[in-house]
């Protein structure tokens, strides 16, 4: 999700989707952009209700901008911050404490 750019979203399609073309890798406190695992670009369906949320999130922003960004870290949201500040609390709230996000 850190590597997701506005240009990677197809929100106005009949079946909204996201294209995975890059990923952000954390290495010794630094981030770098790399191709996805196995260099495999892929599309991921986006539910209509999420597409509506994305539209609000990205309104008026440049197509090369990241969809998610860190207030302190700038362009790319760091995985640790995402997990500690949002994901873990959301998983616990729905009764899934300890849930770990996995790539398909």
Protein backbone atom coordinates (compact mmCIF):
# COMPACT_ATOMS: atom_id res chain seq x y z
CA UNK A 1 0.00 0.00 0.00
CA UNK A 2 2.93 2.33 0.53
CA UNK A 3 3.78 2.18 -3.15
CA UNK A 4 0.23 2.84 -4.35
CA UNK A 5 0.01 5.98 -6.49
CA UNK A 6 -3.09 7.78 -7.66
CA UNK A 7 -2.29 6.73 -11.24
CA UNK A 8 -2.57 3.07 -10.12
CA UNK A 9 -6.29 3.42 -9.33
CA UNK A 10 -9.01 2.79 -11.90
CA UNK A 11 -11.94 4.10 -9.88
CA UNK A 12 -14.31 5.03 -12.70
CA UNK A 13 -14.23 1.63 -14.40
CA UNK A 14 -17.30 -0.62 -14.26
CA UNK A 15 -15.29 -2.81 -11.87
CA UNK A 16 -12.87 -0.51 -9.99
CA UNK A 17 -9.39 -1.88 -9.48
CA UNK A 18 -5.83 -1.05 -8.52
CA UNK A 19 -2.74 -1.97 -10.49
CA UNK A 20 0.36 -3.00 -8.54
CA UNK A 21 3.38 -1.65 -10.41
CA UNK A 22 5.75 -0.79 -7.59
CA UNK A 23 6.35 -1.41 -3.93
CA UNK A 24 8.15 0.52 -1.21
CA UNK A 25 10.77 -1.51 0.64
CA UNK A 26 12.12 -0.52 4.06
CA UNK A 27 15.82 -1.24 4.47
CA UNK A 28 17.79 -0.15 7.56
CA UNK A 29 15.53 2.83 8.19
CA UNK A 30 15.41 3.97 4.56
CA UNK A 31 12.75 3.42 1.95
CA UNK A 32 13.22 2.65 -1.72
CA UNK A 33 10.87 1.94 -4.59
CA UNK A 34 11.17 -1.45 -6.28
CA UNK A 35 9.16 -3.56 -8.69
CA UNK A 36 6.67 -5.94 -7.04
CA UNK A 37 7.75 -9.44 -6.04
CA UNK A 38 8.63 -11.57 -9.04
CA UNK A 39 8.33 -8.37 -11.14
CA UNK A 40 4.67 -9.29 -11.57
CA UNK A 41 2.33 -6.38 -12.18
CA UNK A 42 -1.21 -7.33 -11.21
CA UNK A 43 -4.66 -5.90 -10.80
CA UNK A 44 -6.62 -6.03 -7.57
CA UNK A 45 -10.40 -5.48 -7.50
CA UNK A 46 -11.64 -2.62 -5.33
CA UNK A 47 -15.13 -2.79 -3.79
CA UNK A 48 -17.38 0.12 -4.82
CA UNK A 49 -17.59 1.48 -1.27
CA UNK A 50 -13.78 1.58 -1.07
CA UNK A 51 -13.59 3.27 -4.50
CA UNK A 52 -15.82 6.05 -3.11
CA UNK A 53 -13.46 6.49 -0.15
CA UNK A 54 -10.46 6.58 -2.48
CA UNK A 55 -12.12 9.29 -4.60
CA UNK A 56 -12.44 11.49 -1.51
CA UNK A 57 -8.85 10.70 -0.42
CA UNK A 58 -7.27 11.66 -3.76
CA UNK A 59 -9.49 14.55 -4.90
CA UNK A 60 -7.46 17.35 -6.48
CA UNK A 61 -4.10 15.62 -6.09
CA UNK A 62 -1.48 14.91 -8.77
CA UNK A 63 -1.61 11.49 -10.47
CA UNK A 64 1.97 10.73 -9.42
CA UNK A 65 1.23 11.40 -5.73
CA UNK A 66 0.97 8.46 -3.33
CA UNK A 67 -2.54 7.52 -2.22
CA UNK A 68 -1.36 7.11 1.37
CA UNK A 69 1.36 9.23 2.91
CA UNK A 70 2.87 9.70 6.31
CA UNK A 71 2.51 13.01 8.11
CA UNK A 72 6.11 12.81 9.34
CA UNK A 73 7.59 10.49 6.72
CA UNK A 74 6.35 12.31 3.64
CA UNK A 75 5.54 10.59 0.39
CA UNK A 76 5.46 6.97 1.52
CA UNK A 77 3.59 5.66 4.51
CA UNK A 78 5.90 3.45 6.53
CA UNK A 79 4.59 -0.04 7.24
CA UNK A 80 5.34 0.17 10.96
CA UNK A 81 3.40 3.42 11.33
CA UNK A 82 0.49 1.98 9.35
CA UNK A 83 0.41 -1.13 11.55
CA UNK A 84 0.80 0.60 14.91
CA UNK A 85 -1.42 3.62 14.26
CA UNK A 86 -4.25 2.08 12.27
CA UNK A 87 -4.24 -1.58 11.20
CA UNK A 88 -3.67 -3.26 14.57
CA UNK A 89 -6.39 -1.17 16.26
CA UNK A 90 -8.84 -1.84 13.42
CA UNK A 91 -8.15 -5.60 13.53
CA UNK A 92 -8.64 -5.66 17.29
CA UNK A 93 -11.89 -3.66 16.98
CA UNK A 94 -13.39 -6.36 14.74
CA UNK A 95 -12.17 -9.21 16.97
CA UNK A 96 -9.06 -10.18 14.97
CA UNK A 97 -6.28 -9.15 17.34
CA UNK A 98 -2.91 -10.29 16.00
CA UNK A 99 -4.03 -10.30 12.37
CA UNK A 100 -1.11 -9.90 9.96
CA UNK A 101 -1.65 -8.47 6.48
CA UNK A 102 -0.46 -10.82 3.74
CA UNK A 103 -0.01 -10.32 0.03
CA UNK A 104 -2.15 -12.57 -2.16
